[in-house]
Amino acid sequence: MPDSAHPRVVVREIVRETDDACSVVLEAPDGVDFSYQPGQFLTLRLPTGNGLVGRCYSLCSSPHVDGELRIAVKRVREGIASNWINEALEVGAEIECLPPSGVFVPKSFDENLLLFAGGSGITPVLSILKSALAVGTGQVVLVYANEHENSVIFADRLRELAEANTDRLHVIHWLVSVQGLPSRALLRAFIAPYSSYTAFVCGPSPFMETVTHALRDCDMPPTRIHIERFQTFAEDPFDIPTTAAAVEDGGETARLTVDLDGETHEYDWPRQTKLLDFLLAQGLKAPYSCRQGACSACACILDEGEVKMLTNEILEQEDIDEGYVLGCQSLPVTDTVKIRYS
């Protein structure tokens, strides 16, 4: 594997969870901060037979319970990365990895949680569930949908947790082979008693769409509905720009002020260069992960001026109202822009 400025994690264990899914225990490199919050993910660069590919995988481990980093990966039909992990990945392998990221994280584990997972969507949900039981006081309800009984990832672990927390955890398995696909009407009837809870939803897109509609039918406000989406990268998130886009004489720029890691920087920002690309080209360690507007790792606060986001698949309107923008998708609109990384 070629040299890289990115840290590498080491594969310490691979566990076959079902016929189509495995979990992978990873060891973080010494001296690199890999602390994380429940519900976050890792971005890996995998040396598959089709070349290097970048993918995001949620952590199913909990920082409050587990002393390890663990992801779970289910095969996807024609999925280059998921099939390679399940077939070719070996213990001892070193893999380029970006630090944990993501906003699919409860603000409080003392609130009541209504969790929906479909298939491998259980991965971040399990991290949240274990953390809530370990450090929180709220009730936890999990609805977990799978094709059939043998496709239930972490079935034994979920049973153990339910038996050990009968007063707080209620696990409901939805098997499509038995009950059919979850419908909006059936979900709405189930959700009604829990409409005051905070919902977290992860799974295949049709499943998440159906669940989200049912939650809204029960008048659950958008601020209490959290959805985790992952998409295949259009670009390599590890391909860091080394130079900013060239600006011809007389080319338009905006005056940029950036507060990052306790330091203030000022630049002439080319109007056709995305903020993240420009900052990385200046040698600044601005946070990022997917670089395509789908994960929020690059989110920063706009203190002055206006920017245009080319793509936004993660920030809600309330986030935008608070001043958050995605650095990987932002172009300057006004002549002066001030950005702050919190």
C-alpha atoms as a PDB file:
ATOM      1  CA  MET A   1       0.000   0.000   0.000  1.00  0.00           C
ATOM      2  CA  PRO A   2       1.431   3.458  -0.832  1.00  0.00           C
ATOM      3  CA  ASP A   3       2.693   5.851   1.811  1.00  0.00           C
ATOM      4  CA  SER A   4       0.037   8.205   3.137  1.00  0.00           C
ATOM      5  CA  ALA A   5      -0.348  11.092   5.528  1.00  0.00           C
ATOM      6  CA  HIS A   6      -3.471   9.448   6.916  1.00  0.00           C
ATOM      7  CA  PRO A   7      -3.377   7.296  10.064  1.00  0.00           C
ATOM      8  CA  ARG A   8      -3.798   3.542   9.713  1.00  0.00           C
ATOM      9  CA  VAL A   9      -5.845   1.215  11.865  1.00  0.00           C
ATOM     10  CA  VAL A  10      -4.878  -2.419  12.348  1.00  0.00           C
ATOM     11  CA  VAL A  11      -7.375  -5.263  11.968  1.00  0.00           C
ATOM     12  CA  ARG A  12      -7.236  -7.259  15.218  1.00  0.00           C
ATOM     13  CA  GLU A  13     -10.231  -9.582  14.833  1.00  0.00           C
ATOM     14  CA  ILE A  14     -12.875 -10.538  12.267  1.00  0.00           C
ATOM     15  CA  VAL A  15     -16.089 -12.145  13.531  1.00  0.00           C
ATOM     16  CA  ARG A  16     -18.645 -13.821  11.250  1.00  0.00           C
ATOM     17  CA  GLU A  17     -21.971 -12.439  12.543  1.00  0.00           C
ATOM     18  CA  THR A  18     -24.249 -13.914   9.844  1.00  0.00           C
ATOM     19  CA  ASP A  19     -23.741 -15.575   6.474  1.00  0.00           C
ATOM     20  CA  ASP A  20     -23.683 -12.118   4.867  1.00  0.00           C
ATOM     21  CA  ALA A  21     -22.135  -9.922   7.552  1.00  0.00           C
ATOM     22  CA  CYS A  22     -19.051  -9.714   9.718  1.00  0.00           C
ATOM     23  CA  SER A  23     -17.780  -7.392  12.421  1.00  0.00           C
ATOM     24  CA  VAL A  24     -14.213  -6.109  12.418  1.00  0.00           C
ATOM     25  CA  VAL A  25     -12.225  -5.043  15.487  1.00  0.00           C
ATOM     26  CA  LEU A  26      -9.780  -2.241  14.715  1.00  0.00           C
ATOM     27  CA  GLU A  27      -6.879  -0.899  16.737  1.00  0.00           C
ATOM     28  CA  ALA A  28      -6.208   2.822  16.499  1.00  0.00           C
ATOM     29  CA  PRO A  29      -2.625   4.000  15.941  1.00  0.00           C
ATOM     30  CA  ASP A  30      -0.615   5.286  18.880  1.00  0.00           C
ATOM     31  CA  GLY A  31      -0.642   9.039  19.329  1.00  0.00           C
ATOM     32  CA  VAL A  32      -3.762   9.615  17.205  1.00  0.00           C
ATOM     33  CA  ASP A  33      -7.012  10.729  18.830  1.00  0.00           C
ATOM     34  CA  PHE A  34      -9.669   8.189  17.843  1.00  0.00           C
ATOM     35  CA  SER A  35     -12.122   9.055  20.613  1.00  0.00           C
ATOM     36  CA  TYR A  36     -15.695   8.935  19.356  1.00  0.00           C
ATOM     37  CA  GLN A  37     -19.323   9.408  20.246  1.00  0.00           C
ATOM     38  CA  PRO A  38     -22.048   6.734  19.993  1.00  0.00           C
ATOM     39  CA  GLY A  39     -23.485   6.681  16.477  1.00  0.00           C
ATOM     40  CA  GLN A  40     -20.388   7.992  14.686  1.00  0.00           C
ATOM     41  CA  PHE A  41     -18.540   6.320  11.817  1.00  0.00           C
ATOM     42  CA  LEU A  42     -15.089   5.713  10.376  1.00  0.00           C
ATOM     43  CA  THR A  43     -14.038   6.469   6.801  1.00  0.00           C
ATOM     44  CA  LEU A  44     -11.774   3.719   5.480  1.00  0.00           C
ATOM     45  CA  ARG A  45      -9.648   3.481   2.350  1.00  0.00           C
ATOM     46  CA  LEU A  46      -9.762  -0.144   1.272  1.00  0.00           C
ATOM     47  CA  PRO A  47      -7.261  -1.836  -1.083  1.00  0.00           C
ATOM     48  CA  THR A  48      -9.808  -3.928  -2.989  1.00  0.00           C
ATOM     49  CA  GLY A  49      -9.234  -5.893  -6.162  1.00  0.00           C
ATOM     50  CA  ASN A  50     -10.765  -2.957  -8.015  1.00  0.00           C
ATOM     51  CA  GLY A  51      -8.268  -0.507  -6.544  1.00  0.00           C
ATOM     52  CA  LEU A  52      -8.429   1.814  -3.558  1.00  0.00           C
ATOM     53  CA  VAL A  53     -11.971   2.802  -2.572  1.00  0.00           C
ATOM     54  CA  GLY A  54     -13.249   4.970   0.275  1.00  0.00           C
ATOM     55  CA  ARG A  55     -16.232   3.896   2.374  1.00  0.00           C
ATOM     56  CA  CYS A  56     -17.899   4.975   5.624  1.00  0.00           C
ATOM     57  CA  TYR A  57     -18.716   2.314   8.220  1.00  0.00           C
ATOM     58  CA  SER A  58     -20.515   3.006  11.479  1.00  0.00           C
ATOM     59  CA  LEU A  59     -19.051   1.950  14.785  1.00  0.00           C
ATOM     60  CA  CYS A  60     -21.159  -0.644  16.597  1.00  0.00           C
ATOM     61  CA  SER A  61     -18.952  -0.399  19.665  1.00  0.00           C
ATOM     62  CA  SER A  62     -19.748   2.047  22.463  1.00  0.00           C
ATOM     63  CA  PRO A  63     -17.158   4.349  24.041  1.00  0.00           C
ATOM     64  CA  HIS A  64     -19.004   3.876  27.344  1.00  0.00           C
ATOM     65  CA  VAL A  65     -18.926   0.081  27.301  1.00  0.00           C
ATOM     66  CA  ASP A  66     -16.302  -1.288  24.924  1.00  0.00           C
ATOM     67  CA  GLY A  67     -12.545  -0.970  24.961  1.00  0.00           C
ATOM     68  CA  GLU A  68     -12.254  -1.462  21.224  1.00  0.00           C
ATOM     69  CA  LEU A  69     -13.244   0.029  17.880  1.00  0.00           C
ATOM     70  CA  ARG A  70     -15.634  -2.296  16.035  1.00  0.00           C
ATOM     71  CA  ILE A  71     -17.509  -1.890  12.777  1.00  0.00           C
ATOM     72  CA  ALA A  72     -19.953  -4.269  11.097  1.00  0.00           C
ATOM     73  CA  VAL A  73     -20.210  -4.765   7.341  1.00  0.00           C
ATOM     74  CA  LYS A  74     -22.959  -6.574   5.442  1.00  0.00           C
ATOM     75  CA  ARG A  75     -22.485  -7.747   1.882  1.00  0.00           C
ATOM     76  CA  VAL A  76     -24.151  -5.577  -0.731  1.00  0.00           C
ATOM     77  CA  ARG A  77     -24.910  -7.097  -4.111  1.00  0.00           C
ATOM     78  CA  GLU A  78     -22.096  -5.997  -6.436  1.00  0.00           C
ATOM     79  CA  GLY A  79     -20.653  -4.012  -3.525  1.00  0.00           C
ATOM     80  CA  ILE A  80     -16.917  -3.737  -4.144  1.00  0.00           C
ATOM     81  CA  ALA A  81     -15.963  -2.808  -0.584  1.00  0.00           C
ATOM     82  CA  SER A  82     -18.457  -4.880   1.405  1.00  0.00           C
ATOM     83  CA  ASN A  83     -17.667  -8.062  -0.490  1.00  0.00           C
ATOM     84  CA  TRP A  84     -13.920  -7.477  -0.201  1.00  0.00           C
ATOM     85  CA  ILE A  85     -14.192  -7.018   3.570  1.00  0.00           C
ATOM     86  CA  ASN A  86     -16.277 -10.173   3.955  1.00  0.00           C
ATOM     87  CA  GLU A  87     -14.089 -12.279   1.670  1.00  0.00           C
ATOM     88  CA  ALA A  88     -10.529 -10.950   1.576  1.00  0.00           C
ATOM     89  CA  LEU A  89      -9.789  -8.808   4.623  1.00  0.00           C
ATOM     90  CA  GLU A  90      -7.322 -10.463   6.986  1.00  0.00           C
ATOM     91  CA  VAL A  91      -6.300 -10.009  10.613  1.00  0.00           C
ATOM     92  CA  GLY A  92      -3.164  -7.876  10.791  1.00  0.00           C
ATOM     93  CA  ALA A  93      -4.024  -5.743   7.776  1.00  0.00           C
ATOM     94  CA  GLU A  94      -3.371  -2.012   8.061  1.00  0.00           C
ATOM     95  CA  ILE A  95      -6.002   0.297   6.593  1.00  0.00           C
ATOM     96  CA  GLU A  96      -5.972   4.047   6.056  1.00  0.00           C
ATOM     97  CA  CYS A  97      -8.646   5.648   8.201  1.00  0.00           C
ATOM     98  CA  LEU A  98      -9.958   9.105   8.980  1.00  0.00           C
ATOM     99  CA  PRO A  99     -10.819   9.871  12.629  1.00  0.00           C
ATOM    100  CA  PRO A 100     -14.392   9.138  13.819  1.00  0.00           C
ATOM    101  CA  SER A 101     -17.017  11.559  12.576  1.00  0.00           C
ATOM    102  CA  GLY A 102     -20.766  12.086  12.193  1.00  0.00           C
ATOM    103  CA  VAL A 103     -23.732  13.737  13.899  1.00  0.00           C
ATOM    104  CA  PHE A 104     -26.020  10.698  14.337  1.00  0.00           C
ATOM    105  CA  VAL A 105     -25.522  11.150  18.074  1.00  0.00           C
ATOM    106  CA  PRO A 106     -28.094  11.709  20.855  1.00  0.00           C
ATOM    107  CA  LYS A 107     -27.717  14.992  22.701  1.00  0.00           C
ATOM    108  CA  SER A 108     -28.758  13.272  25.918  1.00  0.00           C
ATOM    109  CA  PHE A 109     -28.989   9.629  26.957  1.00  0.00           C
ATOM    110  CA  ASP A 110     -31.496  10.528  29.657  1.00  0.00           C
ATOM    111  CA  GLU A 111     -34.229  11.104  27.085  1.00  0.00           C
ATOM    112  CA  ASN A 112     -36.462   8.300  25.824  1.00  0.00           C
ATOM    113  CA  LEU A 113     -35.213   6.843  22.538  1.00  0.00           C
ATOM    114  CA  LEU A 114     -37.170   5.176  19.734  1.00  0.00           C
ATOM    115  CA  LEU A 115     -34.650   3.371  17.520  1.00  0.00           C
ATOM    116  CA  PHE A 116     -35.342   1.953  14.051  1.00  0.00           C
ATOM    117  CA  ALA A 117     -32.787  -0.200  12.241  1.00  0.00           C
ATOM    118  CA  GLY A 118     -32.974  -2.116   8.997  1.00  0.00           C
ATOM    119  CA  GLY A 119     -30.327  -4.746   8.193  1.00  0.00           C
ATOM    120  CA  SER A 120     -26.820  -3.377   8.716  1.00  0.00           C
ATOM    121  CA  GLY A 121     -28.417  -0.143   9.940  1.00  0.00           C
ATOM    122  CA  ILE A 122     -28.213  -1.786  13.370  1.00  0.00           C
ATOM    123  CA  THR A 123     -24.528  -0.822  13.525  1.00  0.00           C
ATOM    124  CA  PRO A 124     -24.735   2.804  14.767  1.00  0.00           C
ATOM    125  CA  VAL A 125     -28.034   2.060  16.503  1.00  0.00           C
ATOM    126  CA  LEU A 126     -26.382  -0.632  18.625  1.00  0.00           C
ATOM    127  CA  SER A 127     -23.700   1.838  19.678  1.00  0.00           C
ATOM    128  CA  ILE A 128     -26.398   4.291  20.755  1.00  0.00           C
ATOM    129  CA  LEU A 129     -28.434   1.591  22.492  1.00  0.00           C
ATOM    130  CA  LYS A 130     -25.517   0.244  24.542  1.00  0.00           C
ATOM    131  CA  SER A 131     -24.465   3.746  25.530  1.00  0.00           C
ATOM    132  CA  ALA A 132     -27.976   4.747  26.593  1.00  0.00           C
ATOM    133  CA  LEU A 133     -28.267   1.698  28.831  1.00  0.00           C
ATOM    134  CA  ALA A 134     -24.817   2.269  30.313  1.00  0.00           C
ATOM    135  CA  VAL A 135     -24.902   5.983  31.107  1.00  0.00           C
ATOM    136  CA  GLY A 136     -28.485   7.148  30.613  1.00  0.00           C
ATOM    137  CA  THR A 137     -31.801   6.863  32.421  1.00  0.00           C
ATOM    138  CA  GLY A 138     -34.336   6.957  29.577  1.00  0.00           C
ATOM    139  CA  GLN A 139     -36.444   4.199  28.094  1.00  0.00           C
ATOM    140  CA  VAL A 140     -35.162   2.575  24.882  1.00  0.00           C
ATOM    141  CA  VAL A 141     -37.344   0.931  22.240  1.00  0.00           C
ATOM    142  CA  LEU A 142     -35.723  -0.775  19.238  1.00  0.00           C
ATOM    143  CA  VAL A 143     -37.519  -1.917  16.097  1.00  0.00           C
ATOM    144  CA  TYR A 144     -35.139  -4.024  14.014  1.00  0.00           C
ATOM    145  CA  ALA A 145     -36.198  -5.145  10.526  1.00  0.00           C
ATOM    146  CA  ASN A 146     -34.552  -8.010   8.619  1.00  0.00           C
ATOM    147  CA  GLU A 147     -35.418 -10.407   5.811  1.00  0.00           C
ATOM    148  CA  HIS A 148     -35.469 -13.497   8.037  1.00  0.00           C
ATOM    149  CA  GLU A 149     -34.262 -14.802  11.394  1.00  0.00           C
ATOM    150  CA  ASN A 150     -30.831 -15.856  10.139  1.00  0.00           C
ATOM    151  CA  SER A 151     -30.063 -12.379   8.822  1.00  0.00           C
ATOM    152  CA  VAL A 152     -30.381 -10.678  12.221  1.00  0.00           C
ATOM    153  CA  ILE A 153     -26.964  -9.183  13.019  1.00  0.00           C
ATOM    154  CA  PHE A 154     -26.032  -9.202  16.729  1.00  0.00           C
ATOM    155  CA  ALA A 155     -29.100 -11.296  17.606  1.00  0.00           C
ATOM    156  CA  ASP A 156     -27.436 -12.860  20.665  1.00  0.00           C
ATOM    157  CA  ARG A 157     -26.112  -9.516  21.917  1.00  0.00           C
ATOM    158  CA  LEU A 158     -29.516  -7.877  21.602  1.00  0.00           C
ATOM    159  CA  ARG A 159     -31.149 -10.745  23.475  1.00  0.00           C
ATOM    160  CA  GLU A 160     -28.594 -10.448  26.278  1.00  0.00           C
ATOM    161  CA  LEU A 161     -29.135  -6.706  26.559  1.00  0.00           C
ATOM    162  CA  ALA A 162     -32.933  -7.109  26.609  1.00  0.00           C
ATOM    163  CA  GLU A 163     -32.765  -9.757  29.322  1.00  0.00           C
ATOM    164  CA  ALA A 164     -30.399  -7.645  31.435  1.00  0.00           C
ATOM    165  CA  ASN A 165     -32.473  -4.463  31.077  1.00  0.00           C
ATOM    166  CA  THR A 166     -36.099  -5.581  31.217  1.00  0.00           C
ATOM    167  CA  ASP A 167     -37.124  -2.335  32.901  1.00  0.00           C
ATOM    168  CA  ARG A 168     -35.655  -0.052  30.210  1.00  0.00           C
ATOM    169  CA  LEU A 169     -35.153  -1.888  26.890  1.00  0.00           C
ATOM    170  CA  HIS A 170     -37.832  -3.270  24.575  1.00  0.00           C
ATOM    171  CA  VAL A 171     -36.587  -5.002  21.398  1.00  0.00           C
ATOM    172  CA  ILE A 172     -39.006  -5.770  18.559  1.00  0.00           C
ATOM    173  CA  HIS A 173     -37.809  -7.880  15.610  1.00  0.00           C
ATOM    174  CA  TRP A 174     -39.617  -7.309  12.319  1.00  0.00           C
ATOM    175  CA  LEU A 175     -39.029 -10.230   9.947  1.00  0.00           C
ATOM    176  CA  VAL A 176     -40.087  -9.511   6.380  1.00  0.00           C
ATOM    177  CA  SER A 177     -40.390 -13.254   5.652  1.00  0.00           C
ATOM    178  CA  VAL A 178     -43.063 -13.456   8.365  1.00  0.00           C
ATOM    179  CA  GLN A 179     -44.668 -10.006   8.618  1.00  0.00           C
ATOM    180  CA  GLY A 180     -44.015  -8.560   5.186  1.00  0.00           C
ATOM    181  CA  LEU A 181     -42.426  -5.189   4.550  1.00  0.00           C
ATOM    182  CA  PRO A 182     -42.988  -2.563   7.266  1.00  0.00           C
ATOM    183  CA  SER A 183     -45.867  -0.404   6.090  1.00  0.00           C
ATOM    184  CA  ARG A 184     -46.538   3.206   6.941  1.00  0.00           C
ATOM    185  CA  ALA A 185     -49.914   2.343   8.488  1.00  0.00           C
ATOM    186  CA  LEU A 186     -48.580  -0.443  10.712  1.00  0.00           C
ATOM    187  CA  LEU A 187     -45.609   1.632  11.807  1.00  0.00           C
ATOM    188  CA  ARG A 188     -47.866   4.586  12.541  1.00  0.00           C
ATOM    189  CA  ALA A 189     -49.975   2.453  14.890  1.00  0.00           C
ATOM    190  CA  PHE A 190     -46.871   1.220  16.647  1.00  0.00           C
ATOM    191  CA  ILE A 191     -45.234   4.655  16.933  1.00  0.00           C
ATOM    192  CA  ALA A 192     -48.264   6.443  18.391  1.00  0.00           C
ATOM    193  CA  PRO A 193     -47.582   5.516  22.072  1.00  0.00           C
ATOM    194  CA  TYR A 194     -43.954   6.644  21.669  1.00  0.00           C
ATOM    195  CA  SER A 195     -44.503   9.899  19.802  1.00  0.00           C
ATOM    196  CA  SER A 196     -42.895  11.872  22.642  1.00  0.00           C
ATOM    197  CA  TYR A 197     -39.632   9.929  22.245  1.00  0.00           C
ATOM    198  CA  THR A 198     -36.624  10.976  20.135  1.00  0.00           C
ATOM    199  CA  ALA A 199     -36.180   8.817  17.031  1.00  0.00           C
ATOM    200  CA  PHE A 200     -33.026   7.553  15.347  1.00  0.00           C
ATOM    201  CA  VAL A 201     -33.407   5.774  12.007  1.00  0.00           C
ATOM    202  CA  CYS A 202     -30.808   3.868   9.966  1.00  0.00           C
ATOM    203  CA  GLY A 203     -31.188   1.304   7.189  1.00  0.00           C
ATOM    204  CA  PRO A 204     -32.024   0.973   3.493  1.00  0.00           C
ATOM    205  CA  SER A 205     -33.468   4.122   1.934  1.00  0.00           C
ATOM    206  CA  PRO A 206     -37.019   2.755   1.371  1.00  0.00           C
ATOM    207  CA  PHE A 207     -37.143   1.586   4.997  1.00  0.00           C
ATOM    208  CA  MET A 208     -35.984   4.953   6.320  1.00  0.00           C
ATOM    209  CA  GLU A 209     -38.435   6.811   4.102  1.00  0.00           C
ATOM    210  CA  THR A 210     -41.369   4.711   5.325  1.00  0.00           C
ATOM    211  CA  VAL A 211     -40.359   5.095   8.966  1.00  0.00           C
ATOM    212  CA  THR A 212     -39.855   8.843   8.603  1.00  0.00           C
ATOM    213  CA  HIS A 213     -43.298   9.307   7.052  1.00  0.00           C
ATOM    214  CA  ALA A 214     -44.870   7.285   9.869  1.00  0.00           C
ATOM    215  CA  LEU A 215     -43.051   9.355  12.500  1.00  0.00           C
ATOM    216  CA  ARG A 216     -44.291  12.579  10.917  1.00  0.00           C
ATOM    217  CA  ASP A 217     -47.808  11.149  10.692  1.00  0.00           C
ATOM    218  CA  CYS A 218     -47.621  10.852  14.480  1.00  0.00           C
ATOM    219  CA  ASP A 219     -46.689  14.545  14.747  1.00  0.00           C
ATOM    220  CA  MET A 220     -43.125  13.908  15.820  1.00  0.00           C
ATOM    221  CA  PRO A 221     -41.291  17.190  15.086  1.00  0.00           C
ATOM    222  CA  PRO A 222     -38.318  17.125  12.682  1.00  0.00           C
ATOM    223  CA  THR A 223     -35.993  18.175  15.512  1.00  0.00           C
ATOM    224  CA  ARG A 224     -36.608  14.788  17.150  1.00  0.00           C
ATOM    225  CA  ILE A 225     -36.134  12.673  14.003  1.00  0.00           C
ATOM    226  CA  HIS A 226     -32.528  11.757  13.221  1.00  0.00           C
ATOM    227  CA  ILE A 227     -31.605   9.857  10.058  1.00  0.00           C
ATOM    228  CA  GLU A 228     -28.267   8.333   9.055  1.00  0.00           C
ATOM    229  CA  ARG A 229     -27.555   8.075   5.322  1.00  0.00           C
ATOM    230  CA  PHE A 230     -24.460   6.744   3.594  1.00  0.00           C
ATOM    231  CA  GLN A 231     -23.746   6.953  -0.109  1.00  0.00           C
ATOM    232  CA  THR A 232     -20.979   5.744  -2.377  1.00  0.00           C
ATOM    233  CA  PHE A 233     -18.380   8.460  -2.765  1.00  0.00           C
ATOM    234  CA  ALA A 234     -18.309  10.322  -6.051  1.00  0.00           C
ATOM    235  CA  GLU A 235     -14.711  11.315  -5.291  1.00  0.00           C
ATOM    236  CA  ASP A 236     -11.919   9.807  -3.218  1.00  0.00           C
ATOM    237  CA  PRO A 237     -12.200  11.467   0.239  1.00  0.00           C
ATOM    238  CA  PHE A 238      -8.520  10.683   0.847  1.00  0.00           C
ATOM    239  CA  ASP A 239      -7.355  12.584  -2.241  1.00  0.00           C
ATOM    240  CA  ILE A 240      -6.317  15.809  -0.517  1.00  0.00           C
ATOM    241  CA  PRO A 241      -5.731  18.794  -2.828  1.00  0.00           C
ATOM    242  CA  THR A 242      -2.108  19.915  -2.782  1.00  0.00           C
ATOM    243  CA  THR A 243      -2.632  23.252  -4.479  1.00  0.00           C
ATOM    244  CA  ALA A 244      -5.532  25.650  -4.573  1.00  0.00           C
ATOM    245  CA  ALA A 245      -7.314  26.237  -7.853  1.00  0.00           C
ATOM    246  CA  ALA A 246      -5.316  28.686  -9.921  1.00  0.00           C
ATOM    247  CA  VAL A 247      -6.574  32.266  -9.968  1.00  0.00           C
ATOM    248  CA  GLU A 248      -5.722  34.210 -13.088  1.00  0.00           C
ATOM    249  CA  ASP A 249      -4.709  37.843 -12.861  1.00  0.00           C
ATOM    250  CA  GLY A 250      -7.866  39.733 -12.111  1.00  0.00           C
ATOM    251  CA  GLY A 251      -9.689  36.558 -11.076  1.00  0.00           C
ATOM    252  CA  GLU A 252     -12.361  37.089  -8.462  1.00  0.00           C
ATOM    253  CA  THR A 253     -11.674  36.293  -4.815  1.00  0.00           C
ATOM    254  CA  ALA A 254     -13.344  36.870  -1.471  1.00  0.00           C
ATOM    255  CA  ARG A 255     -11.550  37.923   1.687  1.00  0.00           C
ATOM    256  CA  LEU A 256     -11.691  34.940   4.024  1.00  0.00           C
ATOM    257  CA  THR A 257     -11.099  34.886   7.776  1.00  0.00           C
ATOM    258  CA  VAL A 258     -10.965  31.459   9.405  1.00  0.00           C
ATOM    259  CA  ASP A 259     -10.833  30.597  13.106  1.00  0.00           C
ATOM    260  CA  LEU A 260      -9.474  27.065  13.475  1.00  0.00           C
ATOM    261  CA  ASP A 261      -7.789  25.333  16.421  1.00  0.00           C
ATOM    262  CA  GLY A 262      -7.448  28.605  18.319  1.00  0.00           C
ATOM    263  CA  GLU A 263      -5.727  30.435  15.470  1.00  0.00           C
ATOM    264  CA  THR A 264      -7.030  33.023  12.998  1.00  0.00           C
ATOM    265  CA  HIS A 265      -6.024  32.927   9.328  1.00  0.00           C
ATOM    266  CA  GLU A 266      -6.785  35.344   6.494  1.00  0.00           C
ATOM    267  CA  TYR A 267      -6.703  34.556   2.777  1.00  0.00           C
ATOM    268  CA  ASP A 268      -7.917  35.647  -0.624  1.00  0.00           C
ATOM    269  CA  TRP A 269     -10.341  32.842  -1.383  1.00  0.00           C
ATOM    270  CA  PRO A 270     -10.900  31.992  -5.087  1.00  0.00           C
ATOM    271  CA  ARG A 271     -14.623  32.113  -5.756  1.00  0.00           C
ATOM    272  CA  GLN A 272     -14.671  28.829  -7.680  1.00  0.00           C
ATOM    273  CA  THR A 273     -12.753  26.822  -5.074  1.00  0.00           C
ATOM    274  CA  LYS A 274     -14.629  24.981  -2.348  1.00  0.00           C
ATOM    275  CA  LEU A 275     -13.776  26.125   1.167  1.00  0.00           C
ATOM    276  CA  LEU A 276     -12.458  22.767   2.386  1.00  0.00           C
ATOM    277  CA  ASP A 277     -10.290  22.227  -0.696  1.00  0.00           C
ATOM    278  CA  PHE A 278      -8.838  25.710  -0.304  1.00  0.00           C
ATOM    279  CA  LEU A 279      -8.080  25.318   3.408  1.00  0.00           C
ATOM    280  CA  LEU A 280      -6.431  21.916   2.906  1.00  0.00           C
ATOM    281  CA  ALA A 281      -4.342  23.389   0.104  1.00  0.00           C
ATOM    282  CA  GLN A 282      -3.127  26.050   2.545  1.00  0.00           C
ATOM    283  CA  GLY A 283      -1.941  23.309   4.889  1.00  0.00           C
ATOM    284  CA  LEU A 284      -4.697  23.778   7.477  1.00  0.00           C
ATOM    285  CA  LYS A 285      -6.074  20.690   9.213  1.00  0.00           C
ATOM    286  CA  ALA A 286      -9.737  21.434   8.590  1.00  0.00           C
ATOM    287  CA  PRO A 287     -11.994  18.500   9.548  1.00  0.00           C
ATOM    288  CA  TYR A 288     -13.667  16.438   6.854  1.00  0.00           C
ATOM    289  CA  SER A 289     -14.730  12.937   5.908  1.00  0.00           C
ATOM    290  CA  CYS A 290     -16.911  12.260   2.862  1.00  0.00           C
ATOM    291  CA  ARG A 291     -16.202  15.536   1.003  1.00  0.00           C
ATOM    292  CA  GLN A 292     -19.525  15.328  -0.855  1.00  0.00           C
ATOM    293  CA  GLY A 293     -21.978  17.011   1.509  1.00  0.00           C
ATOM    294  CA  ALA A 294     -23.425  13.883   3.102  1.00  0.00           C
ATOM    295  CA  CYS A 295     -21.806  13.486   6.524  1.00  0.00           C
ATOM    296  CA  SER A 296     -21.383  16.906   8.262  1.00  0.00           C
ATOM    297  CA  ALA A 297     -17.828  16.200   9.452  1.00  0.00           C
ATOM    298  CA  CYS A 298     -16.705  19.435   7.763  1.00  0.00           C
ATOM    299  CA  ALA A 299     -19.492  21.590   9.252  1.00  0.00           C
ATOM    300  CA  CYS A 300     -18.405  25.037  10.395  1.00  0.00           C
ATOM    301  CA  ILE A 301     -20.131  28.234  11.498  1.00  0.00           C
ATOM    302  CA  LEU A 302     -20.622  31.198   9.204  1.00  0.00           C
ATOM    303  CA  ASP A 303     -20.096  34.292  11.378  1.00  0.00           C
ATOM    304  CA  GLU A 304     -20.132  36.888   8.602  1.00  0.00           C
ATOM    305  CA  GLY A 305     -20.983  37.012   4.927  1.00  0.00           C
ATOM    306  CA  GLU A 306     -22.730  34.489   2.726  1.00  0.00           C
ATOM    307  CA  VAL A 307     -21.735  31.238   1.046  1.00  0.00           C
ATOM    308  CA  LYS A 308     -23.445  28.922  -1.419  1.00  0.00           C
ATOM    309  CA  MET A 309     -23.565  25.199  -0.645  1.00  0.00           C
ATOM    310  CA  LEU A 310     -23.458  23.168  -3.860  1.00  0.00           C
ATOM    311  CA  THR A 311     -24.806  20.061  -2.109  1.00  0.00           C
ATOM    312  CA  ASN A 312     -26.387  19.545   1.305  1.00  0.00           C
ATOM    313  CA  GLU A 313     -27.747  16.131   2.234  1.00  0.00           C
ATOM    314  CA  ILE A 314     -27.287  16.321   6.000  1.00  0.00           C
ATOM    315  CA  LEU A 315     -27.856  19.775   7.541  1.00  0.00           C
ATOM    316  CA  GLU A 316     -31.421  20.499   8.611  1.00  0.00           C
ATOM    317  CA  GLN A 317     -32.942  23.962   8.333  1.00  0.00           C
ATOM    318  CA  GLU A 318     -32.472  24.569  12.053  1.00  0.00           C
ATOM    319  CA  ASP A 319     -28.742  23.851  11.626  1.00  0.00           C
ATOM    320  CA  ILE A 320     -28.536  26.350   8.778  1.00  0.00           C
ATOM    321  CA  ASP A 321     -30.475  28.910  10.817  1.00  0.00           C
ATOM    322  CA  GLU A 322     -27.815  28.563  13.524  1.00  0.00           C
ATOM    323  CA  GLY A 323     -25.134  29.424  10.965  1.00  0.00           C
ATOM    324  CA  TYR A 324     -23.776  25.978  10.091  1.00  0.00           C
ATOM    325  CA  VAL A 325     -22.484  25.347   6.575  1.00  0.00           C
ATOM    326  CA  LEU A 326     -20.605  22.458   4.965  1.00  0.00           C
ATOM    327  CA  GLY A 327     -17.016  23.398   4.234  1.00  0.00           C
ATOM    328  CA  CYS A 328     -16.653  20.775   1.514  1.00  0.00           C
ATOM    329  CA  GLN A 329     -19.509  22.297  -0.509  1.00  0.00           C
ATOM    330  CA  SER A 330     -19.249  26.048   0.198  1.00  0.00           C
ATOM    331  CA  LEU A 331     -18.336  28.745  -2.310  1.00  0.00           C
ATOM    332  CA  PRO A 332     -18.154  32.457  -1.394  1.00  0.00           C
ATOM    333  CA  VAL A 333     -21.013  34.735  -2.391  1.00  0.00           C
ATOM    334  CA  THR A 334     -20.088  37.969  -0.584  1.00  0.00           C
ATOM    335  CA  ASP A 335     -16.763  39.815  -0.763  1.00  0.00           C
ATOM    336  CA  THR A 336     -16.010  39.089   2.904  1.00  0.00           C
ATOM    337  CA  VAL A 337     -16.581  35.781   4.662  1.00  0.00           C
ATOM    338  CA  LYS A 338     -15.775  34.800   8.238  1.00  0.00           C
ATOM    339  CA  ILE A 339     -15.808  31.120   9.194  1.00  0.00           C
ATOM    340  CA  ARG A 340     -15.365  29.520  12.592  1.00  0.00           C
ATOM    341  CA  TYR A 341     -14.708  25.877  13.437  1.00  0.00           C
ATOM    342  CA  SER A 342     -16.117  25.130  16.897  1.00  0.00           C
END
